N, C-alpha and C. Protein backbone atom coordinates (compact mmCIF):
# COMPACT_ATOMS: atom_id res chain seq x y z
N MET A 1 -5.70 50.98 18.68
CA MET A 1 -6.82 50.12 18.51
C MET A 1 -6.41 48.85 17.70
N LYS A 2 -6.86 47.75 18.08
CA LYS A 2 -6.58 46.54 17.41
C LYS A 2 -7.46 46.51 16.08
N LEU A 3 -6.95 45.85 15.05
CA LEU A 3 -7.65 45.74 13.81
C LEU A 3 -8.98 45.06 14.02
N ASP A 4 -9.06 43.97 14.77
CA ASP A 4 -10.34 43.30 14.95
C ASP A 4 -11.40 44.18 15.54
N ARG A 5 -11.06 45.04 16.50
CA ARG A 5 -11.95 46.01 17.07
C ARG A 5 -12.43 47.05 16.06
N ALA A 6 -11.47 47.43 15.21
CA ALA A 6 -11.75 48.47 14.23
C ALA A 6 -12.77 47.86 13.26
N LEU A 7 -12.50 46.63 12.78
CA LEU A 7 -13.41 46.02 11.81
C LEU A 7 -14.80 45.63 12.36
N SER A 8 -14.90 45.52 13.65
CA SER A 8 -16.11 45.17 14.29
C SER A 8 -17.11 46.40 14.18
N LEU A 9 -16.55 47.54 13.88
CA LEU A 9 -17.45 48.77 13.66
C LEU A 9 -18.15 48.79 12.32
N LEU A 10 -17.74 47.91 11.36
CA LEU A 10 -18.45 47.83 10.10
C LEU A 10 -19.93 47.57 10.30
N ARG A 11 -20.76 48.26 9.56
CA ARG A 11 -22.19 48.15 9.71
C ARG A 11 -22.80 47.48 8.52
N GLU A 12 -23.75 46.55 8.68
CA GLU A 12 -24.44 45.92 7.62
C GLU A 12 -25.84 46.60 7.45
N VAL A 13 -26.11 46.98 6.23
CA VAL A 13 -27.36 47.59 5.92
C VAL A 13 -28.12 46.77 4.90
N PRO A 14 -29.19 46.07 5.37
CA PRO A 14 -29.88 45.09 4.47
C PRO A 14 -30.72 45.86 3.40
N ASP A 15 -30.88 45.26 2.30
CA ASP A 15 -31.76 45.68 1.19
C ASP A 15 -31.30 47.06 0.66
N PHE A 16 -29.99 47.34 0.60
CA PHE A 16 -29.50 48.49 0.07
C PHE A 16 -28.32 48.19 -0.86
N PRO A 17 -28.24 48.71 -2.10
CA PRO A 17 -29.21 49.69 -2.76
C PRO A 17 -30.44 49.00 -3.36
N ARG A 18 -30.48 47.65 -3.28
CA ARG A 18 -31.64 46.94 -3.83
C ARG A 18 -32.07 45.90 -2.89
N PRO A 19 -33.32 45.40 -2.91
CA PRO A 19 -33.69 44.32 -2.02
C PRO A 19 -32.83 43.09 -2.22
N GLY A 20 -32.44 42.41 -1.18
CA GLY A 20 -31.58 41.30 -1.19
C GLY A 20 -30.16 41.53 -1.13
N VAL A 21 -29.75 42.77 -1.27
CA VAL A 21 -28.20 43.15 -1.18
C VAL A 21 -28.05 43.60 0.21
N VAL A 22 -26.93 43.12 0.86
CA VAL A 22 -26.49 43.60 2.13
C VAL A 22 -25.32 44.53 1.88
N PHE A 23 -25.51 45.88 2.16
CA PHE A 23 -24.46 46.80 1.95
C PHE A 23 -23.56 46.82 3.19
N ARG A 24 -22.19 46.76 3.00
CA ARG A 24 -21.25 46.81 4.06
C ARG A 24 -20.83 48.26 4.20
N ASP A 25 -21.19 48.97 5.26
CA ASP A 25 -20.92 50.32 5.43
C ASP A 25 -19.71 50.61 6.29
N LEU A 26 -18.71 51.27 5.68
CA LEU A 26 -17.45 51.49 6.33
C LEU A 26 -17.49 52.85 7.16
N THR A 27 -18.58 53.61 7.05
CA THR A 27 -18.67 54.90 7.73
C THR A 27 -18.29 54.86 9.21
N PRO A 28 -18.77 53.92 9.99
CA PRO A 28 -18.43 53.90 11.45
C PRO A 28 -16.93 53.76 11.60
N VAL A 29 -16.22 53.01 10.74
CA VAL A 29 -14.78 52.77 10.87
C VAL A 29 -14.16 54.14 10.50
N LEU A 30 -14.59 54.76 9.40
CA LEU A 30 -13.90 56.08 9.00
C LEU A 30 -14.19 57.12 10.05
N ALA A 31 -15.30 57.10 10.78
CA ALA A 31 -15.64 58.14 11.78
C ALA A 31 -14.88 57.98 13.06
N ASP A 32 -14.31 56.88 13.29
CA ASP A 32 -13.55 56.68 14.53
C ASP A 32 -12.01 56.84 14.22
N PRO A 33 -11.28 57.76 14.80
CA PRO A 33 -9.96 58.03 14.37
C PRO A 33 -9.00 56.84 14.62
N ASP A 34 -9.20 56.13 15.78
CA ASP A 34 -8.37 54.99 16.08
C ASP A 34 -8.65 53.88 15.09
N ALA A 35 -9.92 53.66 14.77
CA ALA A 35 -10.25 52.54 13.85
C ALA A 35 -9.66 52.86 12.43
N LEU A 36 -9.90 54.08 11.99
CA LEU A 36 -9.28 54.53 10.70
C LEU A 36 -7.84 54.24 10.69
N ARG A 37 -7.13 54.64 11.70
CA ARG A 37 -5.66 54.49 11.73
C ARG A 37 -5.36 52.97 11.65
N ALA A 38 -6.03 52.17 12.45
CA ALA A 38 -5.80 50.70 12.48
C ALA A 38 -6.04 50.11 11.06
N VAL A 39 -7.09 50.48 10.43
CA VAL A 39 -7.40 49.93 9.05
C VAL A 39 -6.31 50.43 8.01
N VAL A 40 -6.02 51.66 8.01
CA VAL A 40 -5.05 52.23 7.11
C VAL A 40 -3.63 51.52 7.30
N ASP A 41 -3.27 51.45 8.51
CA ASP A 41 -1.95 50.77 8.84
C ASP A 41 -1.96 49.34 8.38
N ALA A 42 -3.03 48.65 8.59
CA ALA A 42 -3.18 47.25 8.14
C ALA A 42 -3.18 47.12 6.65
N LEU A 43 -3.82 48.06 5.93
CA LEU A 43 -3.76 48.02 4.52
C LEU A 43 -2.36 48.23 3.96
N GLN A 44 -1.58 49.20 4.63
CA GLN A 44 -0.25 49.52 4.24
C GLN A 44 0.64 48.35 4.47
N ASP A 45 0.46 47.50 5.47
CA ASP A 45 1.23 46.36 5.71
C ASP A 45 1.17 45.33 4.53
N LYS A 46 0.16 45.40 3.75
CA LYS A 46 0.00 44.41 2.69
C LYS A 46 0.37 44.94 1.29
N ILE A 47 0.83 46.23 1.25
CA ILE A 47 1.13 46.84 -0.09
C ILE A 47 2.58 46.54 -0.41
N ASP A 48 2.83 46.22 -1.69
CA ASP A 48 4.13 45.98 -2.17
C ASP A 48 5.07 47.21 -1.91
N PRO A 49 6.22 47.00 -1.31
CA PRO A 49 7.02 48.15 -0.90
C PRO A 49 7.58 49.01 -2.01
N ASP A 50 7.52 48.48 -3.30
CA ASP A 50 7.93 49.29 -4.44
C ASP A 50 6.80 50.08 -5.08
N THR A 51 5.67 50.10 -4.46
CA THR A 51 4.50 50.87 -4.98
C THR A 51 4.81 52.29 -4.90
N GLN A 52 4.31 53.06 -5.95
CA GLN A 52 4.49 54.51 -6.02
C GLN A 52 3.19 55.27 -5.96
N VAL A 53 2.15 54.67 -6.43
CA VAL A 53 0.86 55.39 -6.50
C VAL A 53 -0.24 54.50 -6.05
N VAL A 54 -1.26 55.14 -5.43
CA VAL A 54 -2.46 54.50 -5.04
C VAL A 54 -3.56 54.86 -6.06
N ALA A 55 -4.20 53.91 -6.69
CA ALA A 55 -5.33 54.14 -7.51
C ALA A 55 -6.56 53.98 -6.62
N ALA A 56 -7.27 55.06 -6.21
CA ALA A 56 -8.30 54.97 -5.27
C ALA A 56 -9.62 55.02 -5.99
N VAL A 57 -10.51 54.02 -5.75
CA VAL A 57 -11.78 53.88 -6.40
C VAL A 57 -12.83 54.67 -5.72
N GLU A 58 -13.55 55.47 -6.56
CA GLU A 58 -14.65 56.32 -6.04
C GLU A 58 -15.71 55.43 -5.33
N SER A 59 -16.14 55.79 -4.12
CA SER A 59 -15.77 57.01 -3.43
C SER A 59 -15.08 56.66 -2.15
N ARG A 60 -15.45 55.58 -1.45
CA ARG A 60 -14.77 55.22 -0.21
C ARG A 60 -13.29 54.92 -0.37
N GLY A 61 -12.93 54.44 -1.53
CA GLY A 61 -11.50 54.22 -1.88
C GLY A 61 -10.71 55.50 -1.84
N PHE A 62 -11.38 56.61 -2.11
CA PHE A 62 -10.65 57.95 -2.05
C PHE A 62 -10.14 58.22 -0.67
N LEU A 63 -11.03 57.91 0.35
CA LEU A 63 -10.68 58.22 1.69
C LEU A 63 -9.47 57.36 2.18
N LEU A 64 -9.53 56.06 1.85
CA LEU A 64 -8.48 55.16 2.22
C LEU A 64 -7.15 55.49 1.47
N GLY A 65 -7.31 55.79 0.20
CA GLY A 65 -6.18 56.05 -0.64
C GLY A 65 -5.51 57.36 -0.23
N ALA A 66 -6.27 58.34 0.10
CA ALA A 66 -5.64 59.61 0.59
C ALA A 66 -4.84 59.44 1.87
N ALA A 67 -5.43 58.64 2.81
CA ALA A 67 -4.70 58.37 4.03
C ALA A 67 -3.37 57.59 3.72
N LEU A 68 -3.49 56.60 2.83
CA LEU A 68 -2.29 55.86 2.54
C LEU A 68 -1.25 56.74 1.86
N GLY A 69 -1.68 57.57 0.92
CA GLY A 69 -0.82 58.52 0.17
C GLY A 69 -0.04 59.45 1.11
N TYR A 70 -0.75 60.05 1.96
CA TYR A 70 -0.21 60.97 2.92
C TYR A 70 0.74 60.26 3.93
N GLY A 71 0.27 59.19 4.43
CA GLY A 71 1.03 58.51 5.47
C GLY A 71 2.29 57.90 4.99
N TRP A 72 2.34 57.38 3.70
CA TRP A 72 3.48 56.66 3.19
C TRP A 72 4.00 57.25 1.96
N ARG A 73 3.66 58.49 1.59
CA ARG A 73 4.19 59.20 0.49
C ARG A 73 4.01 58.64 -0.82
N TYR A 74 2.78 58.10 -1.09
CA TYR A 74 2.39 57.67 -2.40
C TYR A 74 1.71 58.76 -3.11
N GLY A 75 1.71 58.79 -4.44
CA GLY A 75 0.82 59.63 -5.16
C GLY A 75 -0.54 58.97 -5.07
N VAL A 76 -1.65 59.76 -5.25
CA VAL A 76 -3.02 59.19 -5.17
C VAL A 76 -3.71 59.62 -6.45
N VAL A 77 -4.25 58.70 -7.13
CA VAL A 77 -4.98 58.93 -8.44
C VAL A 77 -6.42 58.51 -8.22
N PRO A 78 -7.41 59.40 -8.35
CA PRO A 78 -8.79 59.00 -8.15
C PRO A 78 -9.38 58.36 -9.45
N LEU A 79 -10.00 57.24 -9.30
CA LEU A 79 -10.72 56.55 -10.33
C LEU A 79 -12.15 56.95 -10.18
N ARG A 80 -12.66 57.69 -11.16
CA ARG A 80 -13.97 58.36 -11.01
C ARG A 80 -15.03 57.77 -11.84
N LYS A 81 -16.24 58.14 -11.39
CA LYS A 81 -17.45 57.77 -12.17
C LYS A 81 -17.53 58.80 -13.31
N PRO A 82 -18.26 58.50 -14.42
CA PRO A 82 -18.33 59.35 -15.58
C PRO A 82 -18.85 60.69 -15.21
N GLY A 83 -18.34 61.69 -16.01
CA GLY A 83 -18.82 63.08 -15.93
C GLY A 83 -18.17 63.86 -14.77
N LYS A 84 -17.20 63.27 -14.06
CA LYS A 84 -16.53 64.02 -12.99
C LYS A 84 -15.15 64.57 -13.33
N LEU A 85 -14.69 64.14 -14.49
CA LEU A 85 -13.22 64.56 -14.80
C LEU A 85 -13.24 65.49 -16.08
N PRO A 86 -12.42 66.54 -16.05
CA PRO A 86 -12.38 67.41 -17.28
C PRO A 86 -11.56 66.72 -18.42
N ALA A 87 -10.63 65.85 -18.11
CA ALA A 87 -9.92 65.18 -19.13
C ALA A 87 -9.74 63.71 -18.72
N VAL A 88 -10.21 62.86 -19.64
CA VAL A 88 -10.23 61.36 -19.38
C VAL A 88 -9.19 60.70 -20.26
N SER A 89 -8.36 59.94 -19.64
CA SER A 89 -7.41 59.07 -20.29
C SER A 89 -8.00 57.77 -20.88
N HIS A 90 -8.74 57.03 -19.95
CA HIS A 90 -9.30 55.77 -20.32
C HIS A 90 -10.58 55.61 -19.52
N ARG A 91 -11.46 54.77 -20.07
CA ARG A 91 -12.79 54.51 -19.49
C ARG A 91 -13.04 53.02 -19.61
N VAL A 92 -13.66 52.44 -18.60
CA VAL A 92 -14.01 51.03 -18.58
C VAL A 92 -15.33 50.84 -17.97
N SER A 93 -16.25 50.16 -18.61
CA SER A 93 -17.59 49.72 -18.05
C SER A 93 -17.52 48.29 -17.63
N TYR A 94 -18.24 48.01 -16.59
CA TYR A 94 -18.21 46.67 -16.01
C TYR A 94 -19.46 46.34 -15.26
N ALA A 95 -19.72 45.04 -14.97
CA ALA A 95 -20.92 44.62 -14.26
C ALA A 95 -20.64 44.62 -12.70
N LEU A 96 -21.66 44.98 -11.99
CA LEU A 96 -21.69 44.94 -10.58
C LEU A 96 -22.63 43.74 -10.13
N GLU A 97 -22.65 43.42 -8.85
CA GLU A 97 -23.63 42.48 -8.39
C GLU A 97 -25.02 42.83 -8.56
N TYR A 98 -25.24 44.15 -8.68
CA TYR A 98 -26.53 44.71 -8.74
C TYR A 98 -26.73 45.77 -9.87
N GLY A 99 -25.96 45.64 -10.88
CA GLY A 99 -26.14 46.59 -12.00
C GLY A 99 -24.84 46.71 -12.78
N GLU A 100 -24.67 47.87 -13.40
CA GLU A 100 -23.47 48.20 -14.23
C GLU A 100 -22.86 49.47 -13.81
N ALA A 101 -21.60 49.70 -14.01
CA ALA A 101 -20.93 50.94 -13.69
C ALA A 101 -19.86 51.16 -14.70
N THR A 102 -19.27 52.42 -14.57
CA THR A 102 -18.20 52.86 -15.41
C THR A 102 -17.15 53.62 -14.54
N LEU A 103 -15.87 53.40 -14.78
CA LEU A 103 -14.84 54.16 -14.11
C LEU A 103 -13.95 54.78 -15.19
N GLU A 104 -13.45 55.94 -14.76
CA GLU A 104 -12.52 56.72 -15.70
C GLU A 104 -11.30 57.13 -14.98
N LEU A 105 -10.23 57.21 -15.70
CA LEU A 105 -8.92 57.45 -15.24
C LEU A 105 -8.53 58.91 -15.73
N PRO A 106 -8.14 59.77 -14.84
CA PRO A 106 -7.75 61.14 -15.33
C PRO A 106 -6.54 61.07 -16.27
N GLU A 107 -6.59 61.94 -17.23
CA GLU A 107 -5.56 62.06 -18.20
C GLU A 107 -4.19 62.40 -17.50
N GLY A 108 -3.19 61.65 -17.87
CA GLY A 108 -1.84 61.94 -17.37
C GLY A 108 -1.54 61.62 -15.90
N ALA A 109 -2.54 60.99 -15.24
CA ALA A 109 -2.37 60.66 -13.77
C ALA A 109 -1.48 59.43 -13.51
N VAL A 110 -1.49 58.49 -14.44
CA VAL A 110 -0.58 57.36 -14.20
C VAL A 110 0.44 57.32 -15.43
N GLN A 111 1.72 57.23 -15.05
CA GLN A 111 2.75 57.25 -16.00
C GLN A 111 3.23 55.85 -16.40
N PRO A 112 3.66 55.54 -17.58
CA PRO A 112 4.08 54.30 -17.99
C PRO A 112 5.17 53.78 -16.99
N GLY A 113 5.01 52.58 -16.57
CA GLY A 113 5.97 51.97 -15.65
C GLY A 113 5.71 52.23 -14.18
N GLN A 114 4.89 53.20 -13.84
CA GLN A 114 4.58 53.45 -12.46
C GLN A 114 4.02 52.25 -11.80
N ARG A 115 4.36 51.96 -10.54
CA ARG A 115 3.83 50.84 -9.80
C ARG A 115 2.66 51.25 -8.92
N VAL A 116 1.50 50.69 -9.15
CA VAL A 116 0.23 51.19 -8.68
C VAL A 116 -0.49 50.10 -7.92
N VAL A 117 -0.99 50.46 -6.74
CA VAL A 117 -1.87 49.59 -5.94
C VAL A 117 -3.29 50.07 -6.12
N VAL A 118 -4.24 49.24 -6.32
CA VAL A 118 -5.66 49.60 -6.37
C VAL A 118 -6.30 49.42 -4.97
N VAL A 119 -6.92 50.48 -4.53
CA VAL A 119 -7.49 50.42 -3.17
C VAL A 119 -8.96 50.79 -3.24
N ASP A 120 -9.71 49.92 -2.53
CA ASP A 120 -11.21 50.19 -2.39
C ASP A 120 -11.67 49.58 -1.07
N ASP A 121 -12.95 49.91 -0.74
CA ASP A 121 -13.45 49.32 0.52
C ASP A 121 -13.80 47.89 0.51
N VAL A 122 -14.54 47.48 -0.57
CA VAL A 122 -15.07 46.12 -0.61
C VAL A 122 -14.70 45.41 -1.99
N LEU A 123 -14.39 44.20 -1.86
CA LEU A 123 -14.25 43.29 -3.03
C LEU A 123 -15.47 42.33 -3.00
N ALA A 124 -16.31 42.52 -4.01
CA ALA A 124 -17.52 41.67 -4.10
C ALA A 124 -17.37 40.72 -5.33
N THR A 125 -17.96 41.13 -6.47
CA THR A 125 -17.87 40.27 -7.63
C THR A 125 -16.51 40.59 -8.42
N GLY A 126 -15.75 41.53 -8.01
CA GLY A 126 -14.52 41.84 -8.60
C GLY A 126 -14.48 42.72 -9.85
N GLY A 127 -15.68 43.11 -10.30
CA GLY A 127 -15.85 43.96 -11.43
C GLY A 127 -15.20 45.28 -11.29
N THR A 128 -15.35 45.91 -10.14
CA THR A 128 -14.77 47.25 -10.01
C THR A 128 -13.21 47.14 -9.85
N ALA A 129 -12.75 46.19 -9.17
CA ALA A 129 -11.34 46.07 -8.97
C ALA A 129 -10.64 45.66 -10.36
N ALA A 130 -11.31 44.80 -11.11
CA ALA A 130 -10.79 44.39 -12.41
C ALA A 130 -10.77 45.61 -13.37
N ALA A 131 -11.79 46.44 -13.36
CA ALA A 131 -11.88 47.64 -14.20
C ALA A 131 -10.77 48.58 -13.76
N ALA A 132 -10.55 48.76 -12.50
CA ALA A 132 -9.50 49.61 -11.99
C ALA A 132 -8.14 49.24 -12.47
N CYS A 133 -7.83 47.83 -12.36
CA CYS A 133 -6.59 47.39 -12.89
C CYS A 133 -6.47 47.56 -14.36
N SER A 134 -7.53 47.31 -15.12
CA SER A 134 -7.52 47.59 -16.52
C SER A 134 -7.20 49.06 -16.88
N LEU A 135 -7.79 49.99 -16.12
CA LEU A 135 -7.42 51.43 -16.36
C LEU A 135 -6.00 51.71 -16.13
N VAL A 136 -5.42 51.24 -15.01
CA VAL A 136 -4.04 51.45 -14.71
C VAL A 136 -3.17 50.89 -15.77
N GLU A 137 -3.42 49.67 -16.25
CA GLU A 137 -2.61 49.04 -17.26
C GLU A 137 -2.80 49.69 -18.64
N ALA A 138 -3.93 50.17 -18.98
CA ALA A 138 -4.16 50.91 -20.20
C ALA A 138 -3.26 52.12 -20.26
N ALA A 139 -2.97 52.77 -19.12
CA ALA A 139 -2.12 53.96 -19.13
C ALA A 139 -0.66 53.50 -19.02
N GLY A 140 -0.32 52.27 -18.96
CA GLY A 140 1.04 51.80 -18.89
C GLY A 140 1.56 51.55 -17.51
N GLY A 141 0.67 51.73 -16.46
CA GLY A 141 1.08 51.36 -15.12
C GLY A 141 1.17 49.91 -14.87
N VAL A 142 1.82 49.54 -13.78
CA VAL A 142 2.01 48.20 -13.44
C VAL A 142 1.22 48.02 -12.10
N VAL A 143 0.28 47.14 -12.09
CA VAL A 143 -0.52 46.95 -10.88
C VAL A 143 0.30 46.06 -9.95
N THR A 144 0.51 46.56 -8.68
CA THR A 144 1.26 45.79 -7.72
C THR A 144 0.35 45.04 -6.82
N GLY A 145 -0.93 45.26 -6.80
CA GLY A 145 -1.87 44.62 -6.01
C GLY A 145 -3.21 45.30 -5.93
N VAL A 146 -4.12 44.55 -5.36
CA VAL A 146 -5.43 45.08 -5.00
C VAL A 146 -5.65 44.95 -3.50
N SER A 147 -5.91 46.06 -2.83
CA SER A 147 -6.03 46.02 -1.44
C SER A 147 -7.36 46.58 -1.00
N VAL A 148 -8.16 45.75 -0.22
CA VAL A 148 -9.50 46.16 0.22
C VAL A 148 -9.60 45.91 1.71
N VAL A 149 -10.57 46.55 2.34
CA VAL A 149 -10.91 46.33 3.69
C VAL A 149 -11.67 45.02 3.87
N LEU A 150 -12.71 44.84 3.06
CA LEU A 150 -13.63 43.75 3.19
C LEU A 150 -13.76 43.00 1.90
N GLU A 151 -13.79 41.65 1.99
CA GLU A 151 -14.05 40.82 0.78
C GLU A 151 -15.26 39.93 1.13
N ILE A 152 -16.05 39.78 0.09
CA ILE A 152 -17.23 38.82 0.20
C ILE A 152 -16.93 37.71 -0.72
N PRO A 153 -16.27 36.64 -0.17
CA PRO A 153 -15.83 35.53 -1.02
C PRO A 153 -16.90 34.86 -1.80
N ALA A 154 -18.10 34.77 -1.24
CA ALA A 154 -19.18 34.03 -1.95
C ALA A 154 -19.54 34.73 -3.29
N LEU A 155 -19.14 35.93 -3.52
CA LEU A 155 -19.47 36.59 -4.77
C LEU A 155 -18.36 36.39 -5.85
N GLY A 156 -17.25 35.74 -5.50
CA GLY A 156 -16.23 35.24 -6.48
C GLY A 156 -15.34 36.32 -7.00
N GLY A 157 -15.17 37.42 -6.35
CA GLY A 157 -14.30 38.49 -6.88
C GLY A 157 -12.91 38.12 -7.14
N ARG A 158 -12.33 37.29 -6.22
CA ARG A 158 -10.92 36.91 -6.44
C ARG A 158 -10.73 36.16 -7.74
N GLU A 159 -11.70 35.33 -8.17
CA GLU A 159 -11.58 34.61 -9.44
C GLU A 159 -11.47 35.50 -10.62
N LEU A 160 -12.14 36.66 -10.56
CA LEU A 160 -12.01 37.63 -11.69
C LEU A 160 -10.63 38.30 -11.65
N LEU A 161 -9.97 38.27 -10.49
CA LEU A 161 -8.66 38.85 -10.38
C LEU A 161 -7.52 37.84 -10.30
N ALA A 162 -7.71 36.66 -10.89
CA ALA A 162 -6.76 35.53 -10.87
C ALA A 162 -5.47 36.07 -11.35
N GLY A 163 -4.37 35.67 -10.67
CA GLY A 163 -3.08 36.05 -11.04
C GLY A 163 -2.59 37.44 -10.42
N ARG A 164 -3.48 38.03 -9.77
CA ARG A 164 -3.13 39.35 -9.15
C ARG A 164 -2.96 39.13 -7.63
N ASP A 165 -2.20 40.01 -6.99
CA ASP A 165 -2.00 39.95 -5.59
C ASP A 165 -3.21 40.77 -4.91
N VAL A 166 -4.06 39.97 -4.36
CA VAL A 166 -5.25 40.57 -3.67
C VAL A 166 -5.19 40.34 -2.16
N SER A 167 -5.34 41.47 -1.46
CA SER A 167 -5.38 41.37 -0.05
C SER A 167 -6.59 42.02 0.60
N ALA A 168 -7.21 41.34 1.58
CA ALA A 168 -8.39 41.89 2.24
C ALA A 168 -8.11 41.79 3.74
N LEU A 169 -8.61 42.71 4.49
CA LEU A 169 -8.39 42.70 5.92
C LEU A 169 -9.44 41.79 6.63
N LEU A 170 -10.59 41.63 5.95
CA LEU A 170 -11.65 40.78 6.53
C LEU A 170 -12.43 40.12 5.44
N ALA A 171 -12.76 38.91 5.57
CA ALA A 171 -13.64 38.18 4.64
C ALA A 171 -14.90 37.78 5.34
N VAL A 172 -16.10 38.08 4.72
CA VAL A 172 -17.32 37.64 5.33
C VAL A 172 -18.23 36.98 4.37
C-alpha cells in the first residue's frame, strides 16, 4: 500500500476532547495491516541509522514504537502518564493545546549515551515531544530525532523543537 493511501485513512473527530479541537484519529490506519506497514516503513526511513532506542509516547506512540522496535531491532522505552510505572527515573509536566499533562520515564530504561528517537502519532503544539526529549536527555540519552505520523503546523510544534531533527509523514 502506498503511504498516501494509508494516510488517507486518518479520521478527523471534531470537538474531541473539547469543543473546538479536531482530534486526528490514527485507529483506522492501525487497524489496516497494509496501512500500518506503510506508515511504520515510512517512519523508519526518516530515523537516524545510528539510533538504538525508540522512546514511544503513551499511548499511540507505543504501537508505532513497538512495530519499529521489532522490525528494525531497536529497544523500546514507553514514556508513560503518571501512576503507571513502579519506578520513575524522571518526570516532566508540560502544556497541551487543550490542557496540561505529565510524562514519566521508567528507571534505568535509557542509558547514558544511548541514541534515542522520540516517536508519537501527532505533533501539535510540541509540548509532548519537547517533554519526551527532555526525559531522554535527563537520563543521559542523545535524541536523534522526533518522528511523527501527522503534524499540525498551525499549532507551532516545530518551533518548540527548534534545533532538533523533526520528521512528519503528513502535515495538515
